Amino acid sequence: MKKIFLALAVITSVSCSDKPNKDRFSDAALTEKLTNSSGEQIAFGDIIKKHAGKPLVIEVWASWCGDCVKSMPAFKKLQSDNPDAAYAFISMDKTEDKWKEGIEKHQLVGDHYWTPDGMKGSFGKSIDLDWIPRYIVIDKSGNVALYRAIETDFEKIDTILKTLK
């Protein structure tokens, strides 16, 4: 009986738990090169350093992603409610043209980056990307304040941003 109870406890804890939040990125993630809107390669770690001194919200998205498009009004409200934060978008679009068309079509305000490898590529793997849109919040010192949030977590993101002011 004890063995059955122990097995049920293990199964329940594994199946009910989310992936743990992380407090920092791996070296692999920080050294991954992304393309900025000027066509230059920049390491993910340098993107974070660029925004040191203010909170940074990163949205990982794609123009083909229905949930990404659906959540854009809520994201834009988050931006207007938190003007002191910086915003960076990392696209998982398959082509550079689609990425740039998506930025223009949806009028996304912030810094823009693209990884042509998509969600299953090395950058996606390095940040444990399993769903988009995915939001990451970095504090003023470059530390991870929220490692994984999705389109239903805007209240949580807003609360964290208010504490980081």
N, C-alpha and C. Protein backbone atom coordinates (compact mmCIF):
# COMPACT_ATOMS: atom_id res chain seq x y z
N MET A 1 0.82 -1.19 0.00
CA MET A 1 0.00 0.00 0.00
C MET A 1 0.87 1.26 0.00
N LYS A 2 1.96 1.22 0.79
CA LYS A 2 2.86 2.38 0.83
C LYS A 2 3.46 2.66 -0.55
N LYS A 3 3.80 1.58 -1.27
CA LYS A 3 4.38 1.75 -2.59
C LYS A 3 3.38 2.38 -3.56
N ILE A 4 2.13 1.99 -3.49
CA ILE A 4 1.10 2.57 -4.35
C ILE A 4 0.92 4.04 -4.02
N PHE A 5 0.84 4.38 -2.74
CA PHE A 5 0.69 5.78 -2.33
C PHE A 5 1.88 6.62 -2.80
N LEU A 6 3.08 6.09 -2.63
CA LEU A 6 4.28 6.80 -3.06
C LEU A 6 4.28 7.01 -4.58
N ALA A 7 3.91 5.99 -5.33
CA ALA A 7 3.85 6.11 -6.78
C ALA A 7 2.82 7.15 -7.20
N LEU A 8 1.66 7.16 -6.57
CA LEU A 8 0.63 8.16 -6.88
C LEU A 8 1.11 9.56 -6.53
N ALA A 9 1.80 9.70 -5.43
CA ALA A 9 2.32 11.02 -5.03
C ALA A 9 3.34 11.54 -6.04
N VAL A 10 4.21 10.67 -6.51
CA VAL A 10 5.22 11.07 -7.50
C VAL A 10 4.55 11.44 -8.82
N ILE A 11 3.62 10.62 -9.29
CA ILE A 11 2.91 10.90 -10.54
C ILE A 11 2.16 12.22 -10.45
N THR A 12 1.47 12.45 -9.33
CA THR A 12 0.71 13.69 -9.15
C THR A 12 1.62 14.90 -9.14
N SER A 13 2.74 14.82 -8.43
CA SER A 13 3.62 15.99 -8.36
C SER A 13 4.27 16.28 -9.71
N VAL A 14 4.58 15.26 -10.48
CA VAL A 14 5.20 15.47 -11.79
C VAL A 14 4.17 16.02 -12.77
N SER A 15 2.97 15.45 -12.78
CA SER A 15 1.99 15.86 -13.77
C SER A 15 1.36 17.20 -13.47
N CYS A 16 1.36 17.65 -12.23
CA CYS A 16 0.72 18.91 -11.86
C CYS A 16 1.70 20.08 -11.82
N SER A 17 2.96 19.81 -11.98
CA SER A 17 3.92 20.90 -11.86
C SER A 17 4.26 21.47 -13.23
N ASP A 18 4.43 22.78 -13.27
CA ASP A 18 4.93 23.43 -14.47
C ASP A 18 6.43 23.30 -14.48
N LYS A 19 7.03 23.70 -15.60
CA LYS A 19 8.49 23.78 -15.61
C LYS A 19 8.87 24.84 -14.59
N PRO A 20 9.94 24.62 -13.85
CA PRO A 20 10.30 25.60 -12.83
C PRO A 20 10.75 26.91 -13.46
N ASN A 21 10.42 28.01 -12.78
CA ASN A 21 10.93 29.30 -13.23
C ASN A 21 12.43 29.32 -12.99
N LYS A 22 13.14 29.99 -13.88
CA LYS A 22 14.58 30.07 -13.75
C LYS A 22 14.96 31.48 -13.34
N ASP A 23 16.09 31.62 -12.71
CA ASP A 23 16.53 32.95 -12.29
C ASP A 23 17.65 33.50 -13.17
N ARG A 24 18.10 32.71 -14.15
CA ARG A 24 19.11 33.22 -15.07
C ARG A 24 19.09 32.38 -16.34
N PHE A 25 19.68 32.93 -17.39
CA PHE A 25 19.76 32.22 -18.66
C PHE A 25 21.04 31.41 -18.72
N SER A 26 21.02 30.36 -19.48
CA SER A 26 22.22 29.55 -19.69
C SER A 26 23.22 30.35 -20.53
N ASP A 27 24.47 29.94 -20.46
CA ASP A 27 25.49 30.57 -21.31
C ASP A 27 25.13 30.39 -22.78
N ALA A 28 24.56 29.25 -23.13
CA ALA A 28 24.16 29.00 -24.51
C ALA A 28 23.13 30.03 -24.96
N ALA A 29 22.17 30.34 -24.11
CA ALA A 29 21.15 31.34 -24.46
C ALA A 29 21.78 32.71 -24.62
N LEU A 30 22.64 33.08 -23.69
CA LEU A 30 23.24 34.43 -23.70
C LEU A 30 24.14 34.66 -24.91
N THR A 31 24.73 33.60 -25.44
CA THR A 31 25.63 33.77 -26.58
C THR A 31 24.95 33.56 -27.93
N GLU A 32 23.69 33.14 -27.91
CA GLU A 32 22.95 32.95 -29.16
C GLU A 32 22.86 34.27 -29.93
N LYS A 33 23.12 34.22 -31.21
CA LYS A 33 23.08 35.41 -32.06
C LYS A 33 21.69 35.56 -32.68
N LEU A 34 21.15 36.76 -32.58
CA LEU A 34 19.88 37.12 -33.21
C LEU A 34 20.16 38.23 -34.20
N THR A 35 19.27 38.41 -35.15
CA THR A 35 19.41 39.46 -36.13
C THR A 35 18.55 40.65 -35.72
N ASN A 36 19.15 41.85 -35.67
CA ASN A 36 18.35 43.03 -35.34
C ASN A 36 17.72 43.60 -36.61
N SER A 37 16.90 44.62 -36.46
CA SER A 37 16.16 45.16 -37.61
C SER A 37 17.06 45.83 -38.65
N SER A 38 18.33 46.07 -38.29
CA SER A 38 19.30 46.61 -39.26
C SER A 38 20.07 45.51 -39.97
N GLY A 39 19.78 44.26 -39.63
CA GLY A 39 20.45 43.13 -40.27
C GLY A 39 21.73 42.70 -39.58
N GLU A 40 22.05 43.30 -38.43
CA GLU A 40 23.27 42.96 -37.70
C GLU A 40 23.00 41.82 -36.72
N GLN A 41 24.03 41.02 -36.48
CA GLN A 41 23.95 39.94 -35.51
C GLN A 41 24.29 40.48 -34.12
N ILE A 42 23.49 40.09 -33.14
CA ILE A 42 23.73 40.54 -31.76
C ILE A 42 23.43 39.38 -30.82
N ALA A 43 24.29 39.20 -29.83
CA ALA A 43 24.09 38.13 -28.84
C ALA A 43 22.92 38.49 -27.93
N PHE A 44 22.16 37.49 -27.55
CA PHE A 44 21.03 37.69 -26.66
C PHE A 44 21.46 38.38 -25.36
N GLY A 45 22.60 38.01 -24.83
CA GLY A 45 23.12 38.65 -23.62
C GLY A 45 23.37 40.13 -23.81
N ASP A 46 23.80 40.52 -25.00
CA ASP A 46 24.03 41.94 -25.29
C ASP A 46 22.72 42.71 -25.40
N ILE A 47 21.67 42.04 -25.82
CA ILE A 47 20.34 42.67 -25.85
C ILE A 47 19.93 43.01 -24.42
N ILE A 48 20.15 42.09 -23.52
CA ILE A 48 19.80 42.32 -22.12
C ILE A 48 20.66 43.46 -21.55
N LYS A 49 21.95 43.43 -21.82
CA LYS A 49 22.85 44.49 -21.33
C LYS A 49 22.48 45.86 -21.87
N LYS A 50 22.02 45.91 -23.10
CA LYS A 50 21.64 47.18 -23.73
C LYS A 50 20.58 47.91 -22.91
N HIS A 51 19.74 47.16 -22.23
CA HIS A 51 18.62 47.75 -21.50
C HIS A 51 18.87 47.80 -19.99
N ALA A 52 20.11 47.65 -19.58
CA ALA A 52 20.43 47.71 -18.15
C ALA A 52 19.97 49.05 -17.58
N GLY A 53 19.46 49.03 -16.39
CA GLY A 53 19.00 50.25 -15.74
C GLY A 53 17.50 50.44 -15.80
N LYS A 54 16.82 49.61 -16.59
CA LYS A 54 15.36 49.65 -16.62
C LYS A 54 14.84 48.24 -16.84
N PRO A 55 13.64 47.98 -16.37
CA PRO A 55 13.07 46.64 -16.62
C PRO A 55 12.90 46.42 -18.12
N LEU A 56 13.05 45.18 -18.53
CA LEU A 56 12.93 44.79 -19.93
C LEU A 56 11.89 43.68 -20.04
N VAL A 57 10.92 43.87 -20.92
CA VAL A 57 9.95 42.83 -21.22
C VAL A 57 10.27 42.31 -22.62
N ILE A 58 10.46 41.02 -22.71
CA ILE A 58 10.76 40.38 -23.98
C ILE A 58 9.53 39.56 -24.39
N GLU A 59 9.08 39.79 -25.62
CA GLU A 59 8.01 38.96 -26.17
C GLU A 59 8.60 38.12 -27.29
N VAL A 60 8.46 36.81 -27.16
CA VAL A 60 8.86 35.89 -28.22
C VAL A 60 7.56 35.57 -28.97
N TRP A 61 7.56 35.84 -30.27
CA TRP A 61 6.32 35.80 -31.05
C TRP A 61 6.60 35.40 -32.49
N ALA A 62 5.55 35.35 -33.30
CA ALA A 62 5.66 35.17 -34.75
C ALA A 62 4.40 35.74 -35.39
N SER A 63 4.55 36.25 -36.59
CA SER A 63 3.41 36.86 -37.27
C SER A 63 2.34 35.83 -37.64
N TRP A 64 2.71 34.56 -37.75
CA TRP A 64 1.76 33.51 -38.09
C TRP A 64 1.03 32.95 -36.88
N CYS A 65 1.39 33.38 -35.70
CA CYS A 65 0.87 32.83 -34.44
C CYS A 65 -0.44 33.52 -34.05
N GLY A 66 -1.54 32.79 -34.11
CA GLY A 66 -2.85 33.35 -33.76
C GLY A 66 -2.91 33.87 -32.33
N ASP A 67 -2.35 33.13 -31.37
CA ASP A 67 -2.36 33.59 -29.98
C ASP A 67 -1.53 34.85 -29.80
N CYS A 68 -0.45 34.97 -30.57
CA CYS A 68 0.39 36.17 -30.50
C CYS A 68 -0.40 37.39 -30.96
N VAL A 69 -1.07 37.27 -32.09
CA VAL A 69 -1.85 38.37 -32.64
C VAL A 69 -3.01 38.72 -31.71
N LYS A 70 -3.67 37.71 -31.19
CA LYS A 70 -4.81 37.92 -30.30
C LYS A 70 -4.42 38.66 -29.02
N SER A 71 -3.19 38.44 -28.55
CA SER A 71 -2.75 39.05 -27.29
C SER A 71 -2.14 40.43 -27.46
N MET A 72 -1.96 40.89 -28.70
CA MET A 72 -1.30 42.18 -28.93
C MET A 72 -2.01 43.37 -28.28
N PRO A 73 -3.34 43.46 -28.30
CA PRO A 73 -3.98 44.59 -27.60
C PRO A 73 -3.65 44.61 -26.10
N ALA A 74 -3.63 43.46 -25.46
CA ALA A 74 -3.29 43.40 -24.05
C ALA A 74 -1.82 43.77 -23.83
N PHE A 75 -0.95 43.36 -24.75
CA PHE A 75 0.46 43.71 -24.64
C PHE A 75 0.65 45.21 -24.80
N LYS A 76 -0.06 45.81 -25.75
CA LYS A 76 0.05 47.25 -25.96
C LYS A 76 -0.46 48.02 -24.74
N LYS A 77 -1.49 47.50 -24.07
CA LYS A 77 -1.97 48.13 -22.84
C LYS A 77 -0.90 48.02 -21.75
N LEU A 78 -0.25 46.87 -21.66
CA LEU A 78 0.84 46.68 -20.71
C LEU A 78 1.93 47.72 -20.97
N GLN A 79 2.27 47.93 -22.23
CA GLN A 79 3.28 48.94 -22.58
C GLN A 79 2.84 50.33 -22.16
N SER A 80 1.59 50.69 -22.43
CA SER A 80 1.14 52.05 -22.08
C SER A 80 1.05 52.23 -20.56
N ASP A 81 0.76 51.16 -19.84
CA ASP A 81 0.69 51.23 -18.37
C ASP A 81 2.07 51.22 -17.71
N ASN A 82 3.08 50.82 -18.46
CA ASN A 82 4.45 50.70 -17.93
C ASN A 82 5.45 51.34 -18.89
N PRO A 83 5.36 52.67 -19.06
CA PRO A 83 6.22 53.34 -20.05
C PRO A 83 7.70 53.39 -19.66
N ASP A 84 8.01 53.12 -18.41
CA ASP A 84 9.42 53.18 -17.98
C ASP A 84 10.18 51.89 -18.29
N ALA A 85 9.48 50.88 -18.73
CA ALA A 85 10.14 49.62 -19.09
C ALA A 85 10.55 49.66 -20.56
N ALA A 86 11.53 48.84 -20.91
CA ALA A 86 11.93 48.66 -22.30
C ALA A 86 11.24 47.40 -22.83
N TYR A 87 11.07 47.35 -24.15
CA TYR A 87 10.37 46.23 -24.76
C TYR A 87 11.17 45.72 -25.96
N ALA A 88 11.33 44.41 -26.01
CA ALA A 88 12.05 43.78 -27.11
C ALA A 88 11.21 42.62 -27.62
N PHE A 89 11.15 42.49 -28.92
CA PHE A 89 10.40 41.43 -29.57
C PHE A 89 11.38 40.51 -30.29
N ILE A 90 11.23 39.21 -30.05
CA ILE A 90 12.06 38.23 -30.74
C ILE A 90 11.14 37.36 -31.58
N SER A 91 11.31 37.44 -32.89
CA SER A 91 10.42 36.75 -33.82
C SER A 91 10.91 35.35 -34.17
N MET A 92 9.95 34.46 -34.24
CA MET A 92 10.19 33.09 -34.67
C MET A 92 9.71 32.87 -36.10
N ASP A 93 9.47 33.97 -36.83
CA ASP A 93 9.03 33.85 -38.22
C ASP A 93 10.05 33.08 -39.05
N LYS A 94 9.55 32.44 -40.08
CA LYS A 94 10.41 31.62 -40.93
C LYS A 94 11.23 32.45 -41.93
N THR A 95 10.74 33.64 -42.27
CA THR A 95 11.49 34.49 -43.20
C THR A 95 11.61 35.91 -42.65
N GLU A 96 12.65 36.57 -43.06
CA GLU A 96 12.87 37.95 -42.64
C GLU A 96 11.75 38.86 -43.14
N ASP A 97 11.26 38.62 -44.35
CA ASP A 97 10.17 39.43 -44.89
C ASP A 97 8.92 39.33 -44.03
N LYS A 98 8.53 38.12 -43.64
CA LYS A 98 7.34 37.93 -42.80
C LYS A 98 7.51 38.62 -41.44
N TRP A 99 8.72 38.52 -40.89
CA TRP A 99 9.03 39.18 -39.62
C TRP A 99 8.79 40.68 -39.73
N LYS A 100 9.39 41.29 -40.73
CA LYS A 100 9.28 42.74 -40.89
C LYS A 100 7.86 43.18 -41.25
N GLU A 101 7.17 42.38 -42.04
CA GLU A 101 5.76 42.67 -42.35
C GLU A 101 4.92 42.63 -41.09
N GLY A 102 5.20 41.67 -40.21
CA GLY A 102 4.45 41.55 -38.95
C GLY A 102 4.66 42.74 -38.04
N ILE A 103 5.89 43.23 -37.96
CA ILE A 103 6.19 44.41 -37.14
C ILE A 103 5.37 45.60 -37.63
N GLU A 104 5.39 45.80 -38.93
CA GLU A 104 4.67 46.94 -39.51
C GLU A 104 3.15 46.77 -39.38
N LYS A 105 2.67 45.61 -39.71
CA LYS A 105 1.22 45.36 -39.68
C LYS A 105 0.65 45.56 -38.28
N HIS A 106 1.36 45.09 -37.27
CA HIS A 106 0.85 45.15 -35.90
C HIS A 106 1.37 46.35 -35.12
N GLN A 107 2.18 47.19 -35.77
CA GLN A 107 2.71 48.42 -35.17
C GLN A 107 3.33 48.16 -33.80
N LEU A 108 4.28 47.25 -33.78
CA LEU A 108 4.94 46.86 -32.54
C LEU A 108 6.04 47.85 -32.20
N VAL A 109 5.97 48.41 -31.01
CA VAL A 109 6.92 49.44 -30.58
C VAL A 109 7.92 48.82 -29.62
N GLY A 110 9.18 48.89 -29.99
CA GLY A 110 10.26 48.35 -29.18
C GLY A 110 11.40 47.94 -30.08
N ASP A 111 12.35 47.23 -29.52
CA ASP A 111 13.47 46.70 -30.30
C ASP A 111 13.04 45.37 -30.91
N HIS A 112 13.54 45.10 -32.11
CA HIS A 112 13.10 43.91 -32.83
C HIS A 112 14.28 43.04 -33.22
N TYR A 113 14.09 41.72 -32.99
CA TYR A 113 15.11 40.73 -33.30
C TYR A 113 14.44 39.52 -33.94
N TRP A 114 15.23 38.78 -34.69
CA TRP A 114 14.71 37.62 -35.43
C TRP A 114 15.71 36.49 -35.35
N THR A 115 15.17 35.30 -35.20
CA THR A 115 15.99 34.10 -35.29
C THR A 115 15.38 33.20 -36.37
N PRO A 116 16.08 33.01 -37.47
CA PRO A 116 15.52 32.25 -38.58
C PRO A 116 15.32 30.76 -38.29
N ASP A 117 15.89 30.27 -37.20
CA ASP A 117 15.75 28.85 -36.86
C ASP A 117 14.39 28.51 -36.28
N GLY A 118 13.59 29.52 -35.92
CA GLY A 118 12.27 29.28 -35.37
C GLY A 118 12.29 28.69 -33.98
N MET A 119 11.13 28.23 -33.56
CA MET A 119 10.94 27.74 -32.19
C MET A 119 11.82 26.54 -31.86
N LYS A 120 12.04 25.68 -32.81
CA LYS A 120 12.80 24.44 -32.57
C LYS A 120 14.29 24.63 -32.77
N GLY A 121 14.72 25.83 -33.12
CA GLY A 121 16.13 26.10 -33.35
C GLY A 121 16.91 26.22 -32.05
N SER A 122 18.17 26.53 -32.17
CA SER A 122 19.05 26.55 -31.00
C SER A 122 18.66 27.63 -29.99
N PHE A 123 18.21 28.81 -30.46
CA PHE A 123 17.79 29.83 -29.50
C PHE A 123 16.55 29.36 -28.74
N GLY A 124 15.56 28.85 -29.46
CA GLY A 124 14.35 28.35 -28.80
C GLY A 124 14.67 27.28 -27.76
N LYS A 125 15.55 26.38 -28.12
CA LYS A 125 15.95 25.33 -27.17
C LYS A 125 16.68 25.92 -25.97
N SER A 126 17.48 26.94 -26.20
CA SER A 126 18.28 27.50 -25.11
C SER A 126 17.44 28.24 -24.06
N ILE A 127 16.22 28.66 -24.44
CA ILE A 127 15.35 29.33 -23.47
C ILE A 127 14.14 28.46 -23.11
N ASP A 128 14.20 27.17 -23.44
CA ASP A 128 13.11 26.24 -23.13
C ASP A 128 11.80 26.68 -23.76
N LEU A 129 11.85 27.12 -25.01
CA LEU A 129 10.66 27.64 -25.69
C LEU A 129 9.73 26.50 -26.07
N ASP A 130 8.54 26.51 -25.50
CA ASP A 130 7.56 25.48 -25.81
C ASP A 130 6.23 26.07 -26.26
N TRP A 131 6.11 27.37 -26.25
CA TRP A 131 4.86 28.02 -26.63
C TRP A 131 5.14 29.48 -26.95
N ILE A 132 4.41 30.01 -27.93
CA ILE A 132 4.44 31.45 -28.15
C ILE A 132 3.01 31.94 -28.20
N PRO A 133 2.74 33.14 -27.77
CA PRO A 133 3.73 34.10 -27.29
C PRO A 133 4.27 33.70 -25.93
N ARG A 134 5.49 34.07 -25.71
CA ARG A 134 6.19 33.83 -24.45
C ARG A 134 6.76 35.15 -24.01
N TYR A 135 6.59 35.46 -22.74
CA TYR A 135 7.06 36.72 -22.19
C TYR A 135 8.08 36.44 -21.10
N ILE A 136 9.13 37.26 -21.11
CA ILE A 136 10.20 37.17 -20.13
C ILE A 136 10.41 38.58 -19.59
N VAL A 137 10.56 38.70 -18.27
CA VAL A 137 10.79 40.00 -17.66
C VAL A 137 12.17 39.99 -17.01
N ILE A 138 12.95 41.00 -17.35
CA ILE A 138 14.30 41.17 -16.80
C ILE A 138 14.30 42.42 -15.92
N ASP A 139 14.93 42.35 -14.75
CA ASP A 139 14.96 43.53 -13.88
C ASP A 139 16.04 44.52 -14.31
N LYS A 140 16.16 45.63 -13.60
CA LYS A 140 17.09 46.71 -13.96
C LYS A 140 18.55 46.26 -13.97
N SER A 141 18.85 45.22 -13.19
CA SER A 141 20.23 44.74 -13.09
C SER A 141 20.54 43.62 -14.07
N GLY A 142 19.57 43.26 -14.90
CA GLY A 142 19.80 42.20 -15.87
C GLY A 142 19.46 40.81 -15.37
N ASN A 143 18.82 40.72 -14.21
CA ASN A 143 18.42 39.43 -13.65
C ASN A 143 17.02 39.06 -14.12
N VAL A 144 16.77 37.78 -14.23
CA VAL A 144 15.46 37.32 -14.66
C VAL A 144 14.47 37.48 -13.51
N ALA A 145 13.42 38.28 -13.75
CA ALA A 145 12.36 38.46 -12.76
C ALA A 145 11.20 37.50 -13.03
N LEU A 146 10.99 37.17 -14.29
CA LEU A 146 9.95 36.21 -14.69
C LEU A 146 10.45 35.49 -15.93
N TYR A 147 10.66 34.19 -15.81
CA TYR A 147 11.26 33.42 -16.90
C TYR A 147 10.26 32.98 -17.95
N ARG A 148 9.04 32.68 -17.52
CA ARG A 148 8.06 32.16 -18.47
C ARG A 148 6.67 32.65 -18.13
N ALA A 149 6.13 33.43 -19.03
CA ALA A 149 4.73 33.84 -18.94
C ALA A 149 4.13 33.69 -20.33
N ILE A 150 2.82 33.45 -20.37
CA ILE A 150 2.14 33.31 -21.66
C ILE A 150 1.05 34.37 -21.75
N GLU A 151 0.24 34.30 -22.82
CA GLU A 151 -0.70 35.38 -23.11
C GLU A 151 -1.77 35.58 -22.04
N THR A 152 -1.95 34.65 -21.14
CA THR A 152 -2.94 34.83 -20.08
C THR A 152 -2.32 35.42 -18.81
N ASP A 153 -1.05 35.76 -18.83
CA ASP A 153 -0.34 36.20 -17.62
C ASP A 153 -0.07 37.71 -17.57
N PHE A 154 -0.83 38.54 -18.28
CA PHE A 154 -0.52 39.97 -18.32
C PHE A 154 -0.66 40.64 -16.95
N GLU A 155 -1.62 40.20 -16.15
CA GLU A 155 -1.77 40.77 -14.81
C GLU A 155 -0.52 40.48 -13.97
N LYS A 156 -0.02 39.28 -14.08
CA LYS A 156 1.19 38.88 -13.37
C LYS A 156 2.40 39.71 -13.84
N ILE A 157 2.53 39.89 -15.16
CA ILE A 157 3.63 40.68 -15.71
C ILE A 157 3.54 42.12 -15.23
N ASP A 158 2.33 42.68 -15.27
CA ASP A 158 2.11 44.06 -14.83
C ASP A 158 2.49 44.22 -13.35
N THR A 159 2.09 43.29 -12.53
CA THR A 159 2.42 43.33 -11.09
C THR A 159 3.92 43.30 -10.89
N ILE A 160 4.61 42.44 -11.61
CA ILE A 160 6.06 42.36 -11.49
C ILE A 160 6.71 43.67 -11.93
N LEU A 161 6.25 44.23 -13.05
CA LEU A 161 6.81 45.50 -13.53
C LEU A 161 6.61 46.62 -12.50
N LYS A 162 5.47 46.62 -11.84
CA LYS A 162 5.21 47.66 -10.81
C LYS A 162 6.20 47.52 -9.65
N THR A 163 6.58 46.29 -9.32
CA THR A 163 7.53 46.10 -8.22
C THR A 163 8.97 46.43 -8.62
N LEU A 164 9.24 46.45 -9.91
CA LEU A 164 10.61 46.70 -10.39
C LEU A 164 10.92 48.18 -10.61
N LYS A 165 9.94 49.05 -10.40
CA LYS A 165 10.16 50.49 -10.67
C LYS A 165 11.19 51.08 -9.80
